[in-house]
Amino acid sequence: MNPARLAPVGVLLLSASLAVQAAPGNLEQRVERLERVVESRALMQMQQRLDELEQEVARLRGRNEELQHALDNLKLRQRELYLDTDRRLQALEAGGAPATAAATGAPATTGPSAPAASASVSPAAATPAAATAQSGPTDAERQAYKQAFELLKQGRYPRAITAFEDFLKRYPDSGYAANAQYWLGEAHYVNKQYPQALKAFEQVLKRYPKSGKVPDAKLKLGFTHYELGQWKQARKTLEALVREEQGTSIARLAAKRLKRMKQEGH
């Protein structure tokens, strides 16, 4: 046994013995007094230790509740992100490009169909946008978009970001450009690069206002404002979505995040 641990006990016994010796009475009475003193001191020490242990348990219980709350919030956030991303991944074949592109393999156009190129106009004279509208995406264009999206699905976000940025530089007028811009924002978002994600989603609204990705971009704009602690902007964006996309899954996700913000006091 450790002598250091015996020292307090020895001091206690010595103090009790001196106290008993100083008190009047026969040997039996002195022994009884000694036992009472020892028991009293021991009980006091035990009670003190018990109080300390109770305080420690209370502290640990409070810490455990905090960690459980944080874990529940993290699970909720991951679940929302999974559902949001999974819905988009499953809809890729139908929404990876505008609806017409998904059905025909060519980018969709708005308004009347573009007239066929006149025989007097050479391909070299056409602008990039006109050439894309007339001929549809090239094999290289489709392959570049597919490769960038595959990197995103594999969770290789830094490489996906680079691939989508490269695609947008090479094919700024592509029928896939709006989607590439959106997925660029998504890659930044899941990689927790929120300022970059915010800029990417804003570009979807600015450069491709007629794209089917606009509602999705608005939702993620609201989510990104939330992650950045920009509560006013987040609330404004999400409340607008609830009104504009009433009855859709996007509106439900926006309403759910608004409810969470209210619960958190934002």
C-alpha atoms as a PDB file:
ATOM      1  CA  MET A   1       0.000   0.000   0.000  1.00  0.00           C
ATOM      2  CA  ASN A   2       1.178   3.497  -0.832  1.00  0.00           C
ATOM      3  CA  PRO A   3       2.603   5.203   2.319  1.00  0.00           C
ATOM      4  CA  ALA A   4       1.246   8.520   1.037  1.00  0.00           C
ATOM      5  CA  ARG A   5      -2.273   7.153   1.253  1.00  0.00           C
ATOM      6  CA  LEU A   6      -1.665   5.910   4.833  1.00  0.00           C
ATOM      7  CA  ALA A   7      -0.448   9.308   6.029  1.00  0.00           C
ATOM      8  CA  PRO A   8      -3.910  10.984   6.310  1.00  0.00           C
ATOM      9  CA  VAL A   9      -5.254   7.911   8.116  1.00  0.00           C
ATOM     10  CA  GLY A  10      -2.324   7.959  10.547  1.00  0.00           C
ATOM     11  CA  VAL A  11      -2.849  11.632  11.256  1.00  0.00           C
ATOM     12  CA  LEU A  12      -6.544  10.997  11.823  1.00  0.00           C
ATOM     13  CA  LEU A  13      -5.898   8.161  14.264  1.00  0.00           C
ATOM     14  CA  LEU A  14      -3.220  10.157  16.109  1.00  0.00           C
ATOM     15  CA  SER A  15      -5.562  13.127  16.489  1.00  0.00           C
ATOM     16  CA  ALA A  16      -8.372  10.900  17.711  1.00  0.00           C
ATOM     17  CA  SER A  17      -6.055   9.134  20.180  1.00  0.00           C
ATOM     18  CA  LEU A  18      -4.817  12.389  21.672  1.00  0.00           C
ATOM     19  CA  ALA A  19      -8.386  13.643  21.968  1.00  0.00           C
ATOM     20  CA  VAL A  20      -9.464  10.494  23.804  1.00  0.00           C
ATOM     21  CA  GLN A  21      -6.421  10.472  26.107  1.00  0.00           C
ATOM     22  CA  ALA A  22      -7.189  14.024  27.143  1.00  0.00           C
ATOM     23  CA  ALA A  23     -10.768  13.141  28.009  1.00  0.00           C
ATOM     24  CA  PRO A  24     -11.650  11.705  31.440  1.00  0.00           C
ATOM     25  CA  GLY A  25     -13.017   8.171  31.933  1.00  0.00           C
ATOM     26  CA  ASN A  26     -11.887   4.547  32.007  1.00  0.00           C
ATOM     27  CA  LEU A  27     -10.283   2.650  29.130  1.00  0.00           C
ATOM     28  CA  GLU A  28     -13.550   1.333  27.740  1.00  0.00           C
ATOM     29  CA  GLN A  29     -15.039   4.801  27.585  1.00  0.00           C
ATOM     30  CA  ARG A  30     -11.893   6.089  25.892  1.00  0.00           C
ATOM     31  CA  VAL A  31     -12.085   3.355  23.269  1.00  0.00           C
ATOM     32  CA  GLU A  32     -15.718   4.177  22.607  1.00  0.00           C
ATOM     33  CA  ARG A  33     -14.862   7.854  22.200  1.00  0.00           C
ATOM     34  CA  LEU A  34     -12.012   6.936  19.883  1.00  0.00           C
ATOM     35  CA  GLU A  35     -14.325   4.817  17.725  1.00  0.00           C
ATOM     36  CA  ARG A  36     -16.897   7.615  17.559  1.00  0.00           C
ATOM     37  CA  VAL A  37     -14.262  10.155  16.554  1.00  0.00           C
ATOM     38  CA  VAL A  38     -12.832   7.868  13.878  1.00  0.00           C
ATOM     39  CA  GLU A  39     -16.272   7.008  12.543  1.00  0.00           C
ATOM     40  CA  SER A  40     -17.300  10.669  12.516  1.00  0.00           C
ATOM     41  CA  ARG A  41     -14.192  11.757  10.619  1.00  0.00           C
ATOM     42  CA  ALA A  42     -14.478   8.853   8.187  1.00  0.00           C
ATOM     43  CA  LEU A  43     -18.145   9.608   7.544  1.00  0.00           C
ATOM     44  CA  MET A  44     -17.358  13.248   6.906  1.00  0.00           C
ATOM     45  CA  GLN A  45     -14.667  12.308   4.412  1.00  0.00           C
ATOM     46  CA  MET A  46     -16.972   9.808   2.722  1.00  0.00           C
ATOM     47  CA  GLN A  47     -19.747  12.387   2.503  1.00  0.00           C
ATOM     48  CA  GLN A  48     -17.378  14.946   1.053  1.00  0.00           C
ATOM     49  CA  ARG A  49     -16.167  12.465  -1.534  1.00  0.00           C
ATOM     50  CA  LEU A  50     -19.744  11.488  -2.333  1.00  0.00           C
ATOM     51  CA  ASP A  51     -20.670  15.135  -2.874  1.00  0.00           C
ATOM     52  CA  GLU A  52     -17.703  15.545  -5.204  1.00  0.00           C
ATOM     53  CA  LEU A  53     -18.705  12.448  -7.156  1.00  0.00           C
ATOM     54  CA  GLU A  54     -22.297  13.657  -7.457  1.00  0.00           C
ATOM     55  CA  GLN A  55     -21.082  16.992  -8.798  1.00  0.00           C
ATOM     56  CA  GLU A  56     -18.857  15.230 -11.318  1.00  0.00           C
ATOM     57  CA  VAL A  57     -21.720  12.970 -12.438  1.00  0.00           C
ATOM     58  CA  ALA A  58     -23.977  16.010 -12.852  1.00  0.00           C
ATOM     59  CA  ARG A  59     -21.316  17.761 -14.908  1.00  0.00           C
ATOM     60  CA  LEU A  60     -20.795  14.709 -17.105  1.00  0.00           C
ATOM     61  CA  ARG A  61     -24.532  14.257 -17.522  1.00  0.00           C
ATOM     62  CA  GLY A  62     -24.874  17.844 -18.684  1.00  0.00           C
ATOM     63  CA  ARG A  63     -21.979  17.420 -21.086  1.00  0.00           C
ATOM     64  CA  ASN A  64     -23.504  14.206 -22.413  1.00  0.00           C
ATOM     65  CA  GLU A  65     -26.808  15.986 -23.053  1.00  0.00           C
ATOM     66  CA  GLU A  66     -24.970  18.735 -24.948  1.00  0.00           C
ATOM     67  CA  LEU A  67     -23.139  16.188 -27.078  1.00  0.00           C
ATOM     68  CA  GLN A  68     -26.357  14.260 -27.736  1.00  0.00           C
ATOM     69  CA  HIS A  69     -28.084  17.452 -28.836  1.00  0.00           C
ATOM     70  CA  ALA A  70     -25.193  18.300 -31.150  1.00  0.00           C
ATOM     71  CA  LEU A  71     -25.236  14.749 -32.536  1.00  0.00           C
ATOM     72  CA  ASP A  72     -28.985  14.915 -33.178  1.00  0.00           C
ATOM     73  CA  ASN A  73     -28.552  18.210 -35.036  1.00  0.00           C
ATOM     74  CA  LEU A  74     -25.699  16.752 -37.066  1.00  0.00           C
ATOM     75  CA  LYS A  75     -27.753  13.680 -37.989  1.00  0.00           C
ATOM     76  CA  LEU A  76     -30.651  15.899 -39.027  1.00  0.00           C
ATOM     77  CA  ARG A  77     -28.407  18.074 -41.156  1.00  0.00           C
ATOM     78  CA  GLN A  78     -26.774  15.046 -42.792  1.00  0.00           C
ATOM     79  CA  ARG A  79     -30.180  13.514 -43.476  1.00  0.00           C
ATOM     80  CA  GLU A  80     -31.442  16.687 -45.105  1.00  0.00           C
ATOM     81  CA  LEU A  81     -28.299  16.915 -47.209  1.00  0.00           C
ATOM     82  CA  TYR A  82     -28.568  13.260 -48.212  1.00  0.00           C
ATOM     83  CA  LEU A  83     -32.216  13.558 -49.238  1.00  0.00           C
ATOM     84  CA  ASP A  84     -31.553  16.798 -51.074  1.00  0.00           C
ATOM     85  CA  THR A  85     -28.536  15.463 -52.942  1.00  0.00           C
ATOM     86  CA  ASP A  86     -29.990  12.018 -53.578  1.00  0.00           C
ATOM     87  CA  ARG A  87     -33.082  13.528 -55.174  1.00  0.00           C
ATOM     88  CA  ARG A  88     -30.905  15.478 -57.565  1.00  0.00           C
ATOM     89  CA  LEU A  89     -28.652  12.566 -58.391  1.00  0.00           C
ATOM     90  CA  GLN A  90     -31.617  10.327 -59.190  1.00  0.00           C
ATOM     91  CA  ALA A  91     -33.085  13.030 -61.415  1.00  0.00           C
ATOM     92  CA  LEU A  92     -29.829  13.549 -63.322  1.00  0.00           C
ATOM     93  CA  GLU A  93     -30.867  11.630 -66.438  1.00  0.00           C
ATOM     94  CA  ALA A  94     -34.053  13.684 -66.643  1.00  0.00           C
ATOM     95  CA  GLY A  95     -32.661  16.946 -65.315  1.00  0.00           C
ATOM     96  CA  GLY A  96     -28.940  16.751 -65.996  1.00  0.00           C
ATOM     97  CA  ALA A  97     -29.665  19.029 -68.894  1.00  0.00           C
ATOM     98  CA  PRO A  98     -32.832  20.927 -69.803  1.00  0.00           C
ATOM     99  CA  ALA A  99     -35.819  18.687 -70.551  1.00  0.00           C
ATOM    100  CA  THR A 100     -35.452  18.799 -74.334  1.00  0.00           C
ATOM    101  CA  ALA A 101     -31.806  17.859 -74.046  1.00  0.00           C
ATOM    102  CA  ALA A 102     -32.653  14.838 -71.909  1.00  0.00           C
ATOM    103  CA  ALA A 103     -35.082  13.589 -74.526  1.00  0.00           C
ATOM    104  CA  THR A 104     -33.143  14.378 -77.694  1.00  0.00           C
ATOM    105  CA  GLY A 105     -29.525  14.614 -76.626  1.00  0.00           C
ATOM    106  CA  ALA A 106     -29.411  18.301 -77.547  1.00  0.00           C
ATOM    107  CA  PRO A 107     -29.665  21.446 -75.401  1.00  0.00           C
ATOM    108  CA  ALA A 108     -33.157  22.849 -75.011  1.00  0.00           C
ATOM    109  CA  THR A 109     -34.084  26.209 -76.495  1.00  0.00           C
ATOM    110  CA  THR A 110     -36.756  28.630 -75.413  1.00  0.00           C
ATOM    111  CA  GLY A 111     -39.305  30.161 -77.714  1.00  0.00           C
ATOM    112  CA  PRO A 112     -39.766  29.087 -81.374  1.00  0.00           C
ATOM    113  CA  SER A 113     -37.419  26.479 -82.732  1.00  0.00           C
ATOM    114  CA  ALA A 114     -34.274  27.894 -84.237  1.00  0.00           C
ATOM    115  CA  PRO A 115     -34.352  27.813 -88.045  1.00  0.00           C
ATOM    116  CA  ALA A 116     -32.003  25.485 -89.829  1.00  0.00           C
ATOM    117  CA  ALA A 117     -28.711  26.976 -90.921  1.00  0.00           C
ATOM    118  CA  SER A 118     -28.816  28.478 -94.380  1.00  0.00           C
ATOM    119  CA  ALA A 119     -26.631  26.914 -96.996  1.00  0.00           C
ATOM    120  CA  SER A 120     -25.063  30.330 -97.544  1.00  0.00           C
ATOM    121  CA  VAL A 121     -23.820  30.481 -93.966  1.00  0.00           C
ATOM    122  CA  SER A 122     -20.694  28.489 -93.376  1.00  0.00           C
ATOM    123  CA  PRO A 123     -20.142  26.706 -90.017  1.00  0.00           C
ATOM    124  CA  ALA A 124     -17.063  28.830 -89.459  1.00  0.00           C
ATOM    125  CA  ALA A 125     -19.169  31.998 -89.564  1.00  0.00           C
ATOM    126  CA  ALA A 126     -21.536  30.857 -86.813  1.00  0.00           C
ATOM    127  CA  THR A 127     -21.031  32.103 -83.264  1.00  0.00           C
ATOM    128  CA  PRO A 128     -20.395  29.516 -80.510  1.00  0.00           C
ATOM    129  CA  ALA A 129     -23.924  30.005 -79.128  1.00  0.00           C
ATOM    130  CA  ALA A 130     -25.509  29.629 -82.557  1.00  0.00           C
ATOM    131  CA  ALA A 131     -23.407  26.592 -83.334  1.00  0.00           C
ATOM    132  CA  THR A 132     -24.436  24.959 -80.056  1.00  0.00           C
ATOM    133  CA  ALA A 133     -28.119  25.699 -80.660  1.00  0.00           C
ATOM    134  CA  GLN A 134     -27.961  24.247 -84.154  1.00  0.00           C
ATOM    135  CA  SER A 135     -25.762  21.203 -83.644  1.00  0.00           C
ATOM    136  CA  GLY A 136     -26.311  20.279 -80.000  1.00  0.00           C
ATOM    137  CA  PRO A 137     -23.558  19.366 -77.574  1.00  0.00           C
ATOM    138  CA  THR A 138     -20.515  17.655 -78.955  1.00  0.00           C
ATOM    139  CA  ASP A 139     -19.264  14.307 -77.728  1.00  0.00           C
ATOM    140  CA  ALA A 140     -16.365  16.069 -76.025  1.00  0.00           C
ATOM    141  CA  GLU A 141     -18.796  18.430 -74.292  1.00  0.00           C
ATOM    142  CA  ARG A 142     -20.999  15.613 -73.035  1.00  0.00           C
ATOM    143  CA  GLN A 143     -17.975  13.639 -71.889  1.00  0.00           C
ATOM    144  CA  ALA A 144     -16.530  16.606 -69.994  1.00  0.00           C
ATOM    145  CA  TYR A 145     -19.809  17.161 -68.174  1.00  0.00           C
ATOM    146  CA  LYS A 146     -20.188  13.464 -67.398  1.00  0.00           C
ATOM    147  CA  GLN A 147     -16.655  13.226 -66.006  1.00  0.00           C
ATOM    148  CA  ALA A 148     -17.181  16.252 -63.759  1.00  0.00           C
ATOM    149  CA  PHE A 149     -20.437  14.831 -62.446  1.00  0.00           C
ATOM    150  CA  GLU A 150     -18.908  11.420 -61.826  1.00  0.00           C
ATOM    151  CA  LEU A 151     -16.266  13.062 -59.637  1.00  0.00           C
ATOM    152  CA  LEU A 152     -19.060  14.714 -57.650  1.00  0.00           C
ATOM    153  CA  LYS A 153     -20.936  11.425 -57.191  1.00  0.00           C
ATOM    154  CA  GLN A 154     -17.737   9.768 -55.988  1.00  0.00           C
ATOM    155  CA  GLY A 155     -17.309  12.460 -53.331  1.00  0.00           C
ATOM    156  CA  ARG A 156     -14.100  13.781 -54.865  1.00  0.00           C
ATOM    157  CA  TYR A 157     -15.203  17.353 -54.357  1.00  0.00           C
ATOM    158  CA  PRO A 158     -11.999  19.348 -54.991  1.00  0.00           C
ATOM    159  CA  ARG A 159     -11.513  17.557 -58.320  1.00  0.00           C
ATOM    160  CA  ALA A 160     -15.196  17.952 -59.180  1.00  0.00           C
ATOM    161  CA  ILE A 161     -14.936  21.691 -58.523  1.00  0.00           C
ATOM    162  CA  THR A 162     -11.963  21.962 -60.854  1.00  0.00           C
ATOM    163  CA  ALA A 163     -13.739  19.889 -63.515  1.00  0.00           C
ATOM    164  CA  PHE A 164     -16.935  21.954 -63.442  1.00  0.00           C
ATOM    165  CA  GLU A 165     -14.988  25.221 -63.512  1.00  0.00           C
ATOM    166  CA  ASP A 166     -13.035  23.945 -66.505  1.00  0.00           C
ATOM    167  CA  PHE A 167     -16.247  22.872 -68.231  1.00  0.00           C
ATOM    168  CA  LEU A 168     -17.816  26.313 -67.796  1.00  0.00           C
ATOM    169  CA  LYS A 169     -14.718  27.997 -69.196  1.00  0.00           C
ATOM    170  CA  ARG A 170     -14.606  25.714 -72.237  1.00  0.00           C
ATOM    171  CA  TYR A 171     -18.367  25.540 -72.886  1.00  0.00           C
ATOM    172  CA  PRO A 172     -19.962  28.742 -71.509  1.00  0.00           C
ATOM    173  CA  ASP A 173     -22.932  28.474 -73.919  1.00  0.00           C
ATOM    174  CA  SER A 174     -23.544  24.772 -73.458  1.00  0.00           C
ATOM    175  CA  GLY A 175     -26.998  23.407 -72.749  1.00  0.00           C
ATOM    176  CA  TYR A 176     -25.359  21.806 -69.720  1.00  0.00           C
ATOM    177  CA  ALA A 177     -23.879  25.080 -68.466  1.00  0.00           C
ATOM    178  CA  ALA A 178     -26.691  25.905 -66.007  1.00  0.00           C
ATOM    179  CA  ASN A 179     -26.496  22.450 -64.507  1.00  0.00           C
ATOM    180  CA  ALA A 180     -22.700  22.594 -64.342  1.00  0.00           C
ATOM    181  CA  GLN A 181     -22.931  25.944 -62.547  1.00  0.00           C
ATOM    182  CA  TYR A 182     -25.406  24.488 -60.049  1.00  0.00           C
ATOM    183  CA  TRP A 183     -23.321  21.371 -59.372  1.00  0.00           C
ATOM    184  CA  LEU A 184     -20.260  23.578 -58.948  1.00  0.00           C
ATOM    185  CA  GLY A 185     -22.112  25.290 -56.119  1.00  0.00           C
ATOM    186  CA  GLU A 186     -23.186  21.931 -54.703  1.00  0.00           C
ATOM    187  CA  ALA A 187     -19.586  20.675 -54.700  1.00  0.00           C
ATOM    188  CA  HIS A 188     -18.463  23.776 -52.802  1.00  0.00           C
ATOM    189  CA  TYR A 189     -21.397  23.404 -50.383  1.00  0.00           C
ATOM    190  CA  VAL A 190     -20.759  19.786 -49.389  1.00  0.00           C
ATOM    191  CA  ASN A 191     -17.070  20.649 -49.120  1.00  0.00           C
ATOM    192  CA  LYS A 192     -18.080  23.364 -46.589  1.00  0.00           C
ATOM    193  CA  GLN A 193     -16.729  26.145 -48.803  1.00  0.00           C
ATOM    194  CA  TYR A 194     -19.797  28.271 -48.190  1.00  0.00           C
ATOM    195  CA  PRO A 195     -18.669  31.657 -49.571  1.00  0.00           C
ATOM    196  CA  GLN A 196     -17.708  29.994 -52.878  1.00  0.00           C
ATOM    197  CA  ALA A 197     -20.962  28.024 -52.890  1.00  0.00           C
ATOM    198  CA  LEU A 198     -22.924  31.246 -52.416  1.00  0.00           C
ATOM    199  CA  LYS A 199     -21.279  32.837 -55.452  1.00  0.00           C
ATOM    200  CA  ALA A 200     -21.830  29.736 -57.589  1.00  0.00           C
ATOM    201  CA  PHE A 201     -25.553  29.497 -56.762  1.00  0.00           C
ATOM    202  CA  GLU A 202     -26.000  33.234 -57.352  1.00  0.00           C
ATOM    203  CA  GLN A 203     -24.491  32.767 -60.825  1.00  0.00           C
ATOM    204  CA  VAL A 204     -27.205  30.221 -61.645  1.00  0.00           C
ATOM    205  CA  LEU A 205     -29.857  32.890 -61.019  1.00  0.00           C
ATOM    206  CA  LYS A 206     -27.911  35.622 -62.768  1.00  0.00           C
ATOM    207  CA  ARG A 207     -26.713  33.792 -65.879  1.00  0.00           C
ATOM    208  CA  TYR A 208     -29.449  31.177 -66.341  1.00  0.00           C
ATOM    209  CA  PRO A 209     -32.713  32.724 -65.052  1.00  0.00           C
ATOM    210  CA  LYS A 210     -34.869  30.412 -67.222  1.00  0.00           C
ATOM    211  CA  SER A 211     -33.116  27.210 -66.176  1.00  0.00           C
ATOM    212  CA  GLY A 212     -34.979  24.477 -64.352  1.00  0.00           C
ATOM    213  CA  LYS A 213     -32.197  24.606 -61.774  1.00  0.00           C
ATOM    214  CA  VAL A 214     -33.260  28.033 -60.502  1.00  0.00           C
ATOM    215  CA  PRO A 215     -35.550  26.730 -57.704  1.00  0.00           C
ATOM    216  CA  ASP A 216     -32.840  24.305 -56.567  1.00  0.00           C
ATOM    217  CA  ALA A 217     -30.258  27.082 -56.602  1.00  0.00           C
ATOM    218  CA  LYS A 218     -32.537  29.331 -54.535  1.00  0.00           C
ATOM    219  CA  LEU A 219     -33.012  26.584 -51.956  1.00  0.00           C
ATOM    220  CA  LYS A 220     -29.280  26.036 -51.632  1.00  0.00           C
ATOM    221  CA  LEU A 221     -28.766  29.783 -51.468  1.00  0.00           C
ATOM    222  CA  GLY A 222     -31.017  29.810 -48.414  1.00  0.00           C
ATOM    223  CA  PHE A 223     -29.148  26.860 -46.911  1.00  0.00           C
ATOM    224  CA  THR A 224     -25.800  28.522 -47.594  1.00  0.00           C
ATOM    225  CA  HIS A 225     -26.891  31.778 -45.963  1.00  0.00           C
ATOM    226  CA  TYR A 226     -27.900  29.639 -42.974  1.00  0.00           C
ATOM    227  CA  GLU A 227     -24.475  27.993 -42.773  1.00  0.00           C
ATOM    228  CA  LEU A 228     -22.845  31.419 -42.927  1.00  0.00           C
ATOM    229  CA  GLY A 229     -25.038  32.698 -40.101  1.00  0.00           C
ATOM    230  CA  GLN A 230     -26.745  35.184 -42.410  1.00  0.00           C
ATOM    231  CA  TRP A 231     -30.155  34.660 -40.854  1.00  0.00           C
ATOM    232  CA  LYS A 232     -31.985  37.571 -42.478  1.00  0.00           C
ATOM    233  CA  GLN A 233     -30.946  36.591 -46.009  1.00  0.00           C
ATOM    234  CA  ALA A 234     -31.648  32.928 -45.328  1.00  0.00           C
ATOM    235  CA  ARG A 235     -35.150  33.650 -44.033  1.00  0.00           C
ATOM    236  CA  LYS A 236     -35.972  35.967 -46.931  1.00  0.00           C
ATOM    237  CA  THR A 237     -34.835  33.430 -49.542  1.00  0.00           C
ATOM    238  CA  LEU A 238     -36.565  30.458 -47.938  1.00  0.00           C
ATOM    239  CA  GLU A 239     -39.844  32.286 -47.279  1.00  0.00           C
ATOM    240  CA  ALA A 240     -39.946  33.349 -50.933  1.00  0.00           C
ATOM    241  CA  LEU A 241     -39.431  29.722 -51.981  1.00  0.00           C
ATOM    242  CA  VAL A 242     -42.282  28.522 -49.779  1.00  0.00           C
ATOM    243  CA  ARG A 243     -44.574  30.966 -51.613  1.00  0.00           C
ATOM    244  CA  GLU A 244     -43.218  30.429 -55.116  1.00  0.00           C
ATOM    245  CA  GLU A 245     -42.847  26.635 -55.039  1.00  0.00           C
ATOM    246  CA  GLN A 246     -45.918  25.808 -52.957  1.00  0.00           C
ATOM    247  CA  GLY A 247     -46.675  22.081 -52.817  1.00  0.00           C
ATOM    248  CA  THR A 248     -43.241  20.979 -54.060  1.00  0.00           C
ATOM    249  CA  SER A 249     -40.470  19.138 -52.247  1.00  0.00           C
ATOM    250  CA  ILE A 250     -38.355  22.287 -52.494  1.00  0.00           C
ATOM    251  CA  ALA A 251     -41.014  24.274 -50.644  1.00  0.00           C
ATOM    252  CA  ARG A 252     -41.197  21.566 -47.974  1.00  0.00           C
ATOM    253  CA  LEU A 253     -37.429  21.595 -47.474  1.00  0.00           C
ATOM    254  CA  ALA A 254     -37.466  25.392 -47.259  1.00  0.00           C
ATOM    255  CA  ALA A 255     -40.281  25.304 -44.682  1.00  0.00           C
ATOM    256  CA  LYS A 256     -38.443  22.668 -42.666  1.00  0.00           C
ATOM    257  CA  ARG A 257     -35.308  24.799 -42.503  1.00  0.00           C
ATOM    258  CA  LEU A 258     -37.369  27.859 -41.503  1.00  0.00           C
ATOM    259  CA  LYS A 259     -38.907  25.837 -38.665  1.00  0.00           C
ATOM    260  CA  ARG A 260     -35.460  24.792 -37.516  1.00  0.00           C
ATOM    261  CA  MET A 261     -34.248  28.385 -37.578  1.00  0.00           C
ATOM    262  CA  LYS A 262     -37.195  29.403 -35.409  1.00  0.00           C
ATOM    263  CA  GLN A 263     -36.450  26.630 -32.921  1.00  0.00           C
ATOM    264  CA  GLU A 264     -32.835  27.769 -32.756  1.00  0.00           C
ATOM    265  CA  GLY A 265     -33.909  31.350 -32.140  1.00  0.00           C
ATOM    266  CA  HIS A 266     -32.733  32.796 -35.451  1.00  0.00           C
END
